[in-house]
Structure formats: C-alpha cells, structure tokens
Amino acid sequence: GSTDLYPLFGICCSDGSIQLPAPPPP
C-alpha cells in the first residue's frame, strides 16, 4: 500500500496511532 505515488510513513505518528492535539493558534 505504500508506493512512490502514495507513500505511507511510520516515524512521525506510528501510522496514525499517535495523535497530538493541535497547537493553540498563535
């Protein structure tokens, strides 16, 4: 499912399992 056209990543959010709240607006 991870292709050059539609790449998937794991090092940022562990494939969606880590969800941080949005930062407050500046």
PDB file of all heavy atoms in Angstrom:
ATOM      1  N   GLY A   1       0.795  -1.217   0.000  1.00  0.00           N
ATOM      2  CA  GLY A   1       0.000   0.000   0.000  1.00  0.00           C
ATOM      3  C   GLY A   1       0.828   1.267   0.000  1.00  0.00           C
ATOM      4  O   GLY A   1       0.305   2.351  -0.235  1.00  0.00           O
ATOM      5  N   SER A   2       2.119   1.180   0.297  1.00  0.00           N
ATOM      6  CA  SER A   2       2.997   2.345   0.300  1.00  0.00           C
ATOM      7  C   SER A   2       3.773   2.379  -1.010  1.00  0.00           C
ATOM      8  O   SER A   2       4.622   1.532  -1.256  1.00  0.00           O
ATOM      9  CB  SER A   2       3.973   2.272   1.488  1.00  0.00           C
ATOM     10  OG  SER A   2       4.776   3.428   1.526  1.00  0.00           O
ATOM     11  N   THR A   3       3.436   3.341  -1.853  1.00  0.00           N
ATOM     12  CA  THR A   3       4.074   3.443  -3.166  1.00  0.00           C
ATOM     13  C   THR A   3       4.729   4.805  -3.320  1.00  0.00           C
ATOM     14  O   THR A   3       4.546   5.692  -2.486  1.00  0.00           O
ATOM     15  CB  THR A   3       3.016   3.272  -4.277  1.00  0.00           C
ATOM     16  OG1 THR A   3       2.107   4.384  -4.209  1.00  0.00           O
ATOM     17  CG2 THR A   3       2.243   1.969  -4.115  1.00  0.00           C
ATOM     18  N   ASP A   4       5.469   4.981  -4.406  1.00  0.00           N
ATOM     19  CA  ASP A   4       6.071   6.279  -4.680  1.00  0.00           C
ATOM     20  C   ASP A   4       5.006   7.352  -4.863  1.00  0.00           C
ATOM     21  O   ASP A   4       5.193   8.503  -4.467  1.00  0.00           O
ATOM     22  CB  ASP A   4       6.956   6.218  -5.930  1.00  0.00           C
ATOM     23  CG  ASP A   4       8.276   5.520  -5.673  1.00  0.00           C
ATOM     24  OD1 ASP A   4       8.526   5.133  -4.502  1.00  0.00           O
ATOM     25  OD2 ASP A   4       9.056   5.367  -6.621  1.00  0.00           O
ATOM     26  N   LEU A   5       3.887   6.971  -5.478  1.00  0.00           N
ATOM     27  CA  LEU A   5       2.796   7.939  -5.690  1.00  0.00           C
ATOM     28  C   LEU A   5       2.004   8.212  -4.416  1.00  0.00           C
ATOM     29  O   LEU A   5       1.568   9.329  -4.176  1.00  0.00           O
ATOM     30  CB  LEU A   5       1.844   7.434  -6.773  1.00  0.00           C
ATOM     31  CG  LEU A   5       2.159   7.917  -8.174  1.00  0.00           C
ATOM     32  CD1 LEU A   5       1.333   7.161  -9.197  1.00  0.00           C
ATOM     33  CD2 LEU A   5       1.929   9.403  -8.302  1.00  0.00           C
ATOM     34  N   TYR A   6       1.776   7.172  -3.605  1.00  0.00           N
ATOM     35  CA  TYR A   6       1.018   7.305  -2.361  1.00  0.00           C
ATOM     36  C   TYR A   6       1.828   6.704  -1.215  1.00  0.00           C
ATOM     37  O   TYR A   6       1.521   5.612  -0.732  1.00  0.00           O
ATOM     38  CB  TYR A   6      -0.344   6.611  -2.491  1.00  0.00           C
ATOM     39  CG  TYR A   6      -1.177   7.179  -3.594  1.00  0.00           C
ATOM     40  CD1 TYR A   6      -1.320   6.517  -4.808  1.00  0.00           C
ATOM     41  CD2 TYR A   6      -1.804   8.416  -3.442  1.00  0.00           C
ATOM     42  CE1 TYR A   6      -2.065   7.057  -5.835  1.00  0.00           C
ATOM     43  CE2 TYR A   6      -2.553   8.967  -4.474  1.00  0.00           C
ATOM     44  CZ  TYR A   6      -2.680   8.284  -5.660  1.00  0.00           C
ATOM     45  OH  TYR A   6      -3.421   8.823  -6.684  1.00  0.00           O
ATOM     46  N   PRO A   7       2.866   7.443  -0.759  1.00  0.00           N
ATOM     47  CA  PRO A   7       3.731   6.884   0.283  1.00  0.00           C
ATOM     48  C   PRO A   7       3.060   6.928   1.661  1.00  0.00           C
ATOM     49  O   PRO A   7       2.275   7.819   1.969  1.00  0.00           O
ATOM     50  CB  PRO A   7       4.949   7.803   0.243  1.00  0.00           C
ATOM     51  CG  PRO A   7       4.430   9.092  -0.276  1.00  0.00           C
ATOM     52  CD  PRO A   7       3.319   8.751  -1.226  1.00  0.00           C
ATOM     53  N   LEU A   8       3.390   5.931   2.484  1.00  0.00           N
ATOM     54  CA  LEU A   8       2.959   5.877   3.872  1.00  0.00           C
ATOM     55  C   LEU A   8       4.197   6.007   4.756  1.00  0.00           C
ATOM     56  O   LEU A   8       5.286   5.565   4.370  1.00  0.00           O
ATOM     57  CB  LEU A   8       2.242   4.559   4.165  1.00  0.00           C
ATOM     58  CG  LEU A   8       0.979   4.278   3.341  1.00  0.00           C
ATOM     59  CD1 LEU A   8       0.437   2.884   3.645  1.00  0.00           C
ATOM     60  CD2 LEU A   8      -0.078   5.335   3.606  1.00  0.00           C
ATOM     61  N   PHE A   9       4.021   6.605   5.911  1.00  0.00           N
ATOM     62  CA  PHE A   9       5.152   6.863   6.803  1.00  0.00           C
ATOM     63  C   PHE A   9       4.835   6.361   8.200  1.00  0.00           C
ATOM     64  O   PHE A   9       3.677   6.350   8.619  1.00  0.00           O
ATOM     65  CB  PHE A   9       5.469   8.359   6.844  1.00  0.00           C
ATOM     66  CG  PHE A   9       5.784   8.922   5.490  1.00  0.00           C
ATOM     67  CD1 PHE A   9       4.798   9.543   4.730  1.00  0.00           C
ATOM     68  CD2 PHE A   9       7.054   8.806   4.958  1.00  0.00           C
ATOM     69  CE1 PHE A   9       5.086  10.051   3.473  1.00  0.00           C
ATOM     70  CE2 PHE A   9       7.353   9.303   3.704  1.00  0.00           C
ATOM     71  CZ  PHE A   9       6.360   9.927   2.956  1.00  0.00           C
ATOM     72  N   GLY A  10       5.847   5.979   8.930  1.00  0.00           N
ATOM     73  CA  GLY A  10       5.636   5.458  10.270  1.00  0.00           C
ATOM     74  C   GLY A  10       6.407   6.186  11.353  1.00  0.00           C
ATOM     75  O   GLY A  10       6.074   6.084  12.522  1.00  0.00           O
ATOM     76  N   ILE A  11       7.456   6.932  10.986  1.00  0.00           N
ATOM     77  CA  ILE A  11       8.308   7.531  12.012  1.00  0.00           C
ATOM     78  C   ILE A  11       7.708   8.774  12.648  1.00  0.00           C
ATOM     79  O   ILE A  11       8.155   9.208  13.693  1.00  0.00           O
ATOM     80  CB  ILE A  11       9.713   7.848  11.464  1.00  0.00           C
ATOM     81  CG1 ILE A  11       9.653   8.849  10.324  1.00  0.00           C
ATOM     82  CG2 ILE A  11      10.429   6.593  11.061  1.00  0.00           C
ATOM     83  CD1 ILE A  11      11.021   9.314   9.850  1.00  0.00           C
ATOM     84  N   CYS A  12       6.698   9.345  12.055  1.00  0.00           N
ATOM     85  CA  CYS A  12       6.116  10.571  12.606  1.00  0.00           C
ATOM     86  C   CYS A  12       5.017  10.273  13.612  1.00  0.00           C
ATOM     87  O   CYS A  12       5.026  10.780  14.731  1.00  0.00           O
ATOM     88  CB  CYS A  12       5.598  11.467  11.493  1.00  0.00           C
ATOM     89  SG  CYS A  12       4.564  10.595  10.295  1.00  0.00           S
ATOM     90  N   CYS A  13       4.063   9.471  13.235  1.00  0.00           N
ATOM     91  CA  CYS A  13       2.882   9.231  14.081  1.00  0.00           C
ATOM     92  C   CYS A  13       2.611   7.752  14.282  1.00  0.00           C
ATOM     93  O   CYS A  13       1.524   7.388  14.741  1.00  0.00           O
ATOM     94  CB  CYS A  13       1.667   9.920  13.488  1.00  0.00           C
ATOM     95  SG  CYS A  13       1.189   9.268  11.871  1.00  0.00           S
ATOM     96  N   SER A  14       3.573   6.909  13.917  1.00  0.00           N
ATOM     97  CA  SER A  14       3.420   5.460  14.045  1.00  0.00           C
ATOM     98  C   SER A  14       2.149   4.987  13.347  1.00  0.00           C
ATOM     99  O   SER A  14       1.309   4.318  13.932  1.00  0.00           O
ATOM    100  CB  SER A  14       3.439   5.062  15.520  1.00  0.00           C
ATOM    101  OG  SER A  14       3.634   3.687  15.671  1.00  0.00           O
ATOM    102  N   ASP A  15       2.043   5.422  12.095  1.00  0.00           N
ATOM    103  CA  ASP A  15       0.918   5.046  11.227  1.00  0.00           C
ATOM    104  C   ASP A  15      -0.440   5.445  11.820  1.00  0.00           C
ATOM    105  O   ASP A  15      -1.407   4.723  11.747  1.00  0.00           O
ATOM    106  CB  ASP A  15       0.951   3.547  10.921  1.00  0.00           C
ATOM    107  CG  ASP A  15       0.112   3.207   9.691  1.00  0.00           C
ATOM    108  OD1 ASP A  15      -0.024   4.059   8.796  1.00  0.00           O
ATOM    109  OD2 ASP A  15      -0.409   2.073   9.635  1.00  0.00           O
ATOM    110  N   GLY A  16      -0.469   6.636  12.436  1.00  0.00           N
ATOM    111  CA  GLY A  16      -1.716   7.181  12.952  1.00  0.00           C
ATOM    112  C   GLY A  16      -2.035   6.798  14.379  1.00  0.00           C
ATOM    113  O   GLY A  16      -3.030   7.262  14.937  1.00  0.00           O
ATOM    114  N   SER A  17      -1.212   5.973  15.025  1.00  0.00           N
ATOM    115  CA  SER A  17      -1.523   5.555  16.398  1.00  0.00           C
ATOM    116  C   SER A  17      -1.179   6.631  17.425  1.00  0.00           C
ATOM    117  O   SER A  17      -1.647   6.574  18.558  1.00  0.00           O
ATOM    118  CB  SER A  17      -0.816   4.248  16.742  1.00  0.00           C
ATOM    119  OG  SER A  17       0.583   4.419  16.714  1.00  0.00           O
ATOM    120  N   ILE A  18      -0.362   7.604  17.063  1.00  0.00           N
ATOM    121  CA  ILE A  18      -0.035   8.719  17.953  1.00  0.00           C
ATOM    122  C   ILE A  18      -0.718   9.964  17.403  1.00  0.00           C
ATOM    123  O   ILE A  18      -0.471  10.378  16.275  1.00  0.00           O
ATOM    124  CB  ILE A  18       1.482   8.946  18.035  1.00  0.00           C
ATOM    125  CG1 ILE A  18       2.174   7.714  18.592  1.00  0.00           C
ATOM    126  CG2 ILE A  18       1.791  10.183  18.865  1.00  0.00           C
ATOM    127  CD1 ILE A  18       3.676   7.768  18.525  1.00  0.00           C
ATOM    128  N   GLN A  19      -1.574  10.558  18.201  1.00  0.00           N
ATOM    129  CA  GLN A  19      -2.291  11.752  17.777  1.00  0.00           C
ATOM    130  C   GLN A  19      -2.088  12.847  18.813  1.00  0.00           C
ATOM    131  O   GLN A  19      -2.518  12.708  19.961  1.00  0.00           O
ATOM    132  CB  GLN A  19      -3.774  11.461  17.592  1.00  0.00           C
ATOM    133  CG  GLN A  19      -4.027  10.471  16.477  1.00  0.00           C
ATOM    134  CD  GLN A  19      -5.502  10.194  16.272  1.00  0.00           C
ATOM    135  OE1 GLN A  19      -6.343  10.635  17.022  1.00  0.00           O
ATOM    136  NE2 GLN A  19      -5.808   9.452  15.229  1.00  0.00           N
ATOM    137  N   LEU A  20      -1.433  13.906  18.398  1.00  0.00           N
ATOM    138  CA  LEU A  20      -1.203  15.044  19.282  1.00  0.00           C
ATOM    139  C   LEU A  20      -2.297  16.074  19.072  1.00  0.00           C
ATOM    140  O   LEU A  20      -2.782  16.250  17.951  1.00  0.00           O
ATOM    141  CB  LEU A  20       0.157  15.675  18.986  1.00  0.00           C
ATOM    142  CG  LEU A  20       1.377  14.775  19.165  1.00  0.00           C
ATOM    143  CD1 LEU A  20       2.636  15.498  18.731  1.00  0.00           C
ATOM    144  CD2 LEU A  20       1.495  14.325  20.607  1.00  0.00           C
ATOM    145  N   PRO A  21      -2.670  16.791  20.132  1.00  0.00           N
ATOM    146  CA  PRO A  21      -3.661  17.847  19.940  1.00  0.00           C
ATOM    147  C   PRO A  21      -3.060  18.969  19.098  1.00  0.00           C
ATOM    148  O   PRO A  21      -1.847  19.194  19.115  1.00  0.00           O
ATOM    149  CB  PRO A  21      -3.960  18.318  21.364  1.00  0.00           C
ATOM    150  CG  PRO A  21      -2.772  17.904  22.175  1.00  0.00           C
ATOM    151  CD  PRO A  21      -2.222  16.682  21.518  1.00  0.00           C
ATOM    152  N   ALA A  22      -3.904  19.643  18.376  1.00  0.00           N
ATOM    153  CA  ALA A  22      -3.435  20.780  17.569  1.00  0.00           C
ATOM    154  C   ALA A  22      -2.902  21.864  18.495  1.00  0.00           C
ATOM    155  O   ALA A  22      -3.466  22.083  19.577  1.00  0.00           O
ATOM    156  CB  ALA A  22      -4.581  21.329  16.732  1.00  0.00           C
ATOM    157  N   PRO A  23      -1.811  22.513  18.119  1.00  0.00           N
ATOM    158  CA  PRO A  23      -1.297  23.587  18.976  1.00  0.00           C
ATOM    159  C   PRO A  23      -2.282  24.750  18.983  1.00  0.00           C
ATOM    160  O   PRO A  23      -3.059  24.923  18.035  1.00  0.00           O
ATOM    161  CB  PRO A  23       0.025  23.981  18.300  1.00  0.00           C
ATOM    162  CG  PRO A  23      -0.108  23.522  16.894  1.00  0.00           C
ATOM    163  CD  PRO A  23      -1.023  22.339  16.903  1.00  0.00           C
ATOM    164  N   PRO A  24      -2.256  25.546  20.043  1.00  0.00           N
ATOM    165  CA  PRO A  24      -3.155  26.701  20.063  1.00  0.00           C
ATOM    166  C   PRO A  24      -2.755  27.682  18.962  1.00  0.00           C
ATOM    167  O   PRO A  24      -1.590  27.709  18.537  1.00  0.00           O
ATOM    168  CB  PRO A  24      -2.937  27.308  21.453  1.00  0.00           C
ATOM    169  CG  PRO A  24      -1.602  26.819  21.884  1.00  0.00           C
ATOM    170  CD  PRO A  24      -1.395  25.483  21.225  1.00  0.00           C
ATOM    171  N   PRO A  25      -3.696  28.462  18.492  1.00  0.00           N
ATOM    172  CA  PRO A  25      -3.340  29.418  17.441  1.00  0.00           C
ATOM    173  C   PRO A  25      -2.361  30.455  17.986  1.00  0.00           C
ATOM    174  O   PRO A  25      -2.412  30.804  19.168  1.00  0.00           O
ATOM    175  CB  PRO A  25      -4.682  30.064  17.075  1.00  0.00           C
ATOM    176  CG  PRO A  25      -5.568  29.825  18.251  1.00  0.00           C
ATOM    177  CD  PRO A  25      -5.093  28.559  18.896  1.00  0.00           C
ATOM    178  N   PRO A  26      -1.457  30.933  17.139  1.00  0.00           N
ATOM    179  CA  PRO A  26      -0.502  31.947  17.603  1.00  0.00           C
ATOM    180  C   PRO A  26      -1.220  33.278  17.832  1.00  0.00           C
ATOM    181  O   PRO A  26      -2.311  33.499  17.298  1.00  0.00           O
ATOM    182  CB  PRO A  26       0.496  32.048  16.443  1.00  0.00           C
ATOM    183  CG  PRO A  26      -0.267  31.607  15.251  1.00  0.00           C
ATOM    184  CD  PRO A  26      -1.261  30.591  15.735  1.00  0.00           C
TER     185      PRO A  26
END
